[in-house]
Every structure is written in C-alpha cells, then in structure tokens.
Amino acid sequence: MSRAFVDESASESRENDAPELKIPLPPGAKNYVTPEGAARLRAELDELLALAAPRLREVDRRIEYLSRMRAIMEVVSPDSRKPDRVVFGTTVTVREASGTGRTYRIVGVDESDPARGWVSWISPLARALVGKKQGEQARVKLPAGEELVTVVTILGGPPG
C-alpha cells in the first residue's frame, strides 16, 4: 500500500493494532510474479475471502444492531427501595397455580436471560406482572396456555 493512503495521525496510537505488514520489497518497487505465482496468490486471497466473508458479515450486522440499539437506548436505574408495584428493573417472586415459586427480574430486551430468571419487559410474563402489587394475581398468556400467578414479593434494584 502506498504511504500516500495512510493517515499518519491514526498511526500514532497503534498499541492495540496488529503489527505493521512487512512487505519484502523496497518502497515503490513493483511486485513482479509469474503467471503461476499470480494464480496462487489470487487463489489464496479468494479462499481467505470466502472463509472470512460470512464472519465479517455477521460482525457487521452485530455492530449495526448494537449501534442502532445504543442510539435509542434509555438507561433506567431501578429504585433500590422496595417498590409497591412491579416495574421495570424490579425483581419479583411469583407463585404459580401449582404452588411452585419462581423469581424474575424485569430487564431490557438485550439483557434477558431465562436461565437467570431475567425476562424482557416486552415478554408476556413481564407485561402481565408490571403494575401488580404484592398479593395480586396476574393472568399470563403463554404458548402452552394461560396461567395464573400470584405476586409474592417485589424487590427494587438488581437482585442481591
């Protein structure tokens, strides 16, 4: 690559960058190759591009998604005091009709983690629970059918 296309100010902080490529030619020299050598270089480059392209597309999509989500992000700090109703950020324990107790935390869509009991605020469970007080029942519409749960406790802030 010609040095004319390099941003010198960007090269000042290269601590985290990959080491600079060492081209085994004097500056300004042509890279003479035989037709066979050129074919090998093209084939290797095509192979690497074919391997990297799907990963690069996935990385690009993830960067675009995160950038768009960050642009519309609004940080809501849950109140650390015990709230009287289920709201975003609270941790709520419910008792199912079977008597089984479950604890959930109402979180953002990108934070949901069912294994931890973290449910998105747009999930049917969270939508049914938001606004409920301790002792109140919520009717949750799930793919397997409707279920009635009772709010047992409501805690503010992240679970301890």
Protein backbone atom coordinates (compact mmCIF):
# COMPACT_ATOMS: atom_id res chain seq x y z
CA MET A 1 0.00 0.00 0.00
CA SER A 2 1.30 3.42 -0.86
CA ARG A 3 2.13 5.61 2.14
CA ALA A 4 0.04 8.32 0.45
CA PHE A 5 -3.08 6.45 1.62
CA VAL A 6 -2.06 6.13 5.26
CA ASP A 7 -3.41 8.53 7.88
CA GLU A 8 -0.28 9.43 9.83
CA SER A 9 -2.26 10.72 12.83
CA ALA A 10 -4.03 7.35 13.10
CA SER A 11 -0.71 5.53 13.18
CA GLU A 12 0.38 7.37 16.33
CA SER A 13 -1.66 5.10 18.61
CA ARG A 14 -1.06 1.59 17.34
CA GLU A 15 -0.64 -0.11 20.70
CA ASN A 16 -3.72 -2.31 20.15
CA ASP A 17 -3.35 -2.68 16.37
CA ALA A 18 -1.83 -5.67 14.65
CA PRO A 19 1.85 -5.25 13.79
CA GLU A 20 2.51 -3.41 10.54
CA LEU A 21 2.78 -5.65 7.50
CA LYS A 22 6.37 -6.16 6.33
CA ILE A 23 6.47 -6.03 2.56
CA PRO A 24 9.72 -7.60 1.32
CA LEU A 25 10.22 -5.03 -1.44
CA PRO A 26 11.91 -1.65 -1.43
CA PRO A 27 9.47 1.29 -1.33
CA GLY A 28 7.97 2.00 -4.75
CA ALA A 29 9.11 -1.32 -6.26
CA LYS A 30 6.73 -3.43 -8.36
CA ASN A 31 5.75 -6.92 -7.22
CA TYR A 32 6.81 -9.00 -10.22
CA VAL A 33 5.31 -12.51 -10.31
CA THR A 34 4.97 -15.31 -12.81
CA PRO A 35 1.51 -16.26 -14.09
CA GLU A 36 1.59 -19.33 -11.82
CA GLY A 37 2.56 -17.21 -8.82
CA ALA A 38 -0.22 -14.73 -9.60
CA ALA A 39 -2.73 -17.59 -9.85
CA ARG A 40 -1.59 -18.97 -6.45
CA LEU A 41 -1.88 -15.50 -4.84
CA ARG A 42 -5.36 -14.99 -6.34
CA ALA A 43 -6.49 -18.46 -5.21
CA GLU A 44 -5.22 -17.92 -1.66
CA LEU A 45 -6.86 -14.50 -1.46
CA ASP A 46 -10.15 -15.89 -2.82
CA GLU A 47 -10.04 -18.74 -0.29
CA LEU A 48 -9.40 -16.36 2.62
CA LEU A 49 -12.16 -14.01 1.48
CA ALA A 50 -14.59 -16.93 1.19
CA LEU A 51 -13.72 -18.06 4.73
CA ALA A 52 -13.86 -14.59 6.24
CA ALA A 53 -16.87 -13.14 4.41
CA PRO A 54 -19.62 -14.85 6.45
CA ARG A 55 -17.92 -13.91 9.74
CA LEU A 56 -17.34 -10.35 8.58
CA ARG A 57 -20.99 -10.03 7.55
CA GLU A 58 -22.07 -11.31 10.97
CA VAL A 59 -19.74 -8.88 12.74
CA ASP A 60 -21.02 -6.03 10.56
CA ARG A 61 -24.65 -6.97 11.33
CA ARG A 62 -23.93 -7.16 15.06
CA ILE A 63 -22.15 -3.78 15.00
CA GLU A 64 -25.11 -2.26 13.13
CA TYR A 65 -27.61 -3.80 15.58
CA LEU A 66 -25.72 -2.63 18.66
CA SER A 67 -25.23 0.84 17.20
CA ARG A 68 -28.95 1.17 16.45
CA MET A 69 -29.92 -0.15 19.89
CA ARG A 70 -27.47 2.23 21.56
CA ALA A 71 -28.90 5.16 19.58
CA ILE A 72 -32.39 4.53 21.05
CA MET A 73 -31.18 3.39 24.46
CA GLU A 74 -32.55 4.99 27.59
CA VAL A 75 -30.92 3.90 30.84
CA VAL A 76 -33.47 3.39 33.61
CA SER A 77 -31.91 2.94 37.04
CA PRO A 78 -34.23 0.88 39.21
CA ASP A 79 -35.10 2.30 42.60
CA SER A 80 -33.16 0.42 45.29
CA ARG A 81 -36.05 0.89 47.74
CA LYS A 82 -38.81 -1.69 47.89
CA PRO A 83 -41.43 -0.57 45.36
CA ASP A 84 -45.12 -1.18 45.94
CA ARG A 85 -45.71 -2.33 42.33
CA VAL A 86 -43.84 -4.38 39.76
CA VAL A 87 -41.98 -2.02 37.41
CA PHE A 88 -39.02 -2.19 35.03
CA GLY A 89 -35.87 -3.27 36.87
CA THR A 90 -37.63 -4.89 39.83
CA THR A 91 -37.19 -8.46 40.95
CA VAL A 92 -40.47 -10.23 41.60
CA THR A 93 -41.20 -13.62 43.11
CA VAL A 94 -44.43 -15.26 42.00
CA ARG A 95 -46.28 -18.39 43.00
CA GLU A 96 -47.66 -20.44 40.16
CA ALA A 97 -51.01 -22.23 40.38
CA SER A 98 -49.09 -25.45 41.08
CA GLY A 99 -47.58 -23.81 44.17
CA THR A 100 -44.11 -23.51 42.62
CA GLY A 101 -42.32 -20.24 43.39
CA ARG A 102 -40.26 -18.51 40.72
CA THR A 103 -38.24 -15.30 40.78
CA TYR A 104 -37.91 -12.98 37.80
CA ARG A 105 -36.20 -9.68 37.10
CA ILE A 106 -37.79 -7.35 34.54
CA VAL A 107 -34.97 -6.19 32.20
CA GLY A 108 -34.31 -4.81 28.71
CA VAL A 109 -34.70 -6.94 25.59
CA ASP A 110 -30.94 -7.42 25.18
CA GLU A 111 -30.48 -8.32 28.84
CA SER A 112 -32.99 -11.17 29.00
CA ASP A 113 -31.54 -14.44 30.23
CA PRO A 114 -34.20 -17.05 31.03
CA ALA A 115 -31.69 -19.28 32.83
CA ARG A 116 -31.15 -16.47 35.35
CA GLY A 117 -34.83 -15.56 35.53
CA TRP A 118 -34.26 -12.28 33.67
CA VAL A 119 -37.23 -11.57 31.40
CA SER A 120 -37.62 -8.81 28.84
CA TRP A 121 -40.08 -6.05 29.66
CA ILE A 122 -41.92 -6.89 26.43
CA SER A 123 -42.37 -10.59 27.27
CA PRO A 124 -45.91 -11.82 28.04
CA LEU A 125 -44.87 -12.61 31.63
CA ALA A 126 -43.41 -9.16 32.32
CA ARG A 127 -46.33 -7.40 30.63
CA ALA A 128 -48.74 -9.33 32.85
CA LEU A 129 -46.78 -8.56 36.02
CA VAL A 130 -45.99 -4.85 35.51
CA GLY A 131 -48.25 -2.72 37.68
CA LYS A 132 -49.23 -5.57 40.03
CA LYS A 133 -48.91 -5.26 43.82
CA GLN A 134 -47.86 -7.89 46.32
CA GLY A 135 -50.70 -10.43 46.72
CA GLU A 136 -52.29 -9.59 43.36
CA GLN A 137 -52.74 -12.16 40.64
CA ALA A 138 -51.66 -11.88 37.03
CA ARG A 139 -53.01 -13.87 34.11
CA VAL A 140 -50.09 -14.78 31.83
CA LYS A 141 -50.78 -15.82 28.24
CA LEU A 142 -48.12 -18.35 27.21
CA PRO A 143 -47.85 -20.53 24.09
CA ALA A 144 -48.78 -23.55 26.24
CA GLY A 145 -51.89 -21.75 27.52
CA GLU A 146 -52.94 -19.26 30.12
CA GLU A 147 -51.51 -19.42 33.64
CA LEU A 148 -52.47 -17.58 36.81
CA VAL A 149 -49.60 -16.41 39.05
CA THR A 150 -49.64 -14.55 42.37
CA VAL A 151 -47.11 -11.83 43.23
CA VAL A 152 -45.37 -12.89 46.45
CA THR A 153 -42.56 -10.32 46.82
CA ILE A 154 -41.28 -7.29 44.91
CA LEU A 155 -37.71 -6.05 45.34
CA GLY A 156 -36.19 -2.89 43.87
CA GLY A 157 -32.89 -2.78 42.04
CA PRO A 158 -30.83 -5.73 40.92
CA PRO A 159 -31.14 -8.92 42.91
CA GLY A 160 -28.59 -9.27 45.70
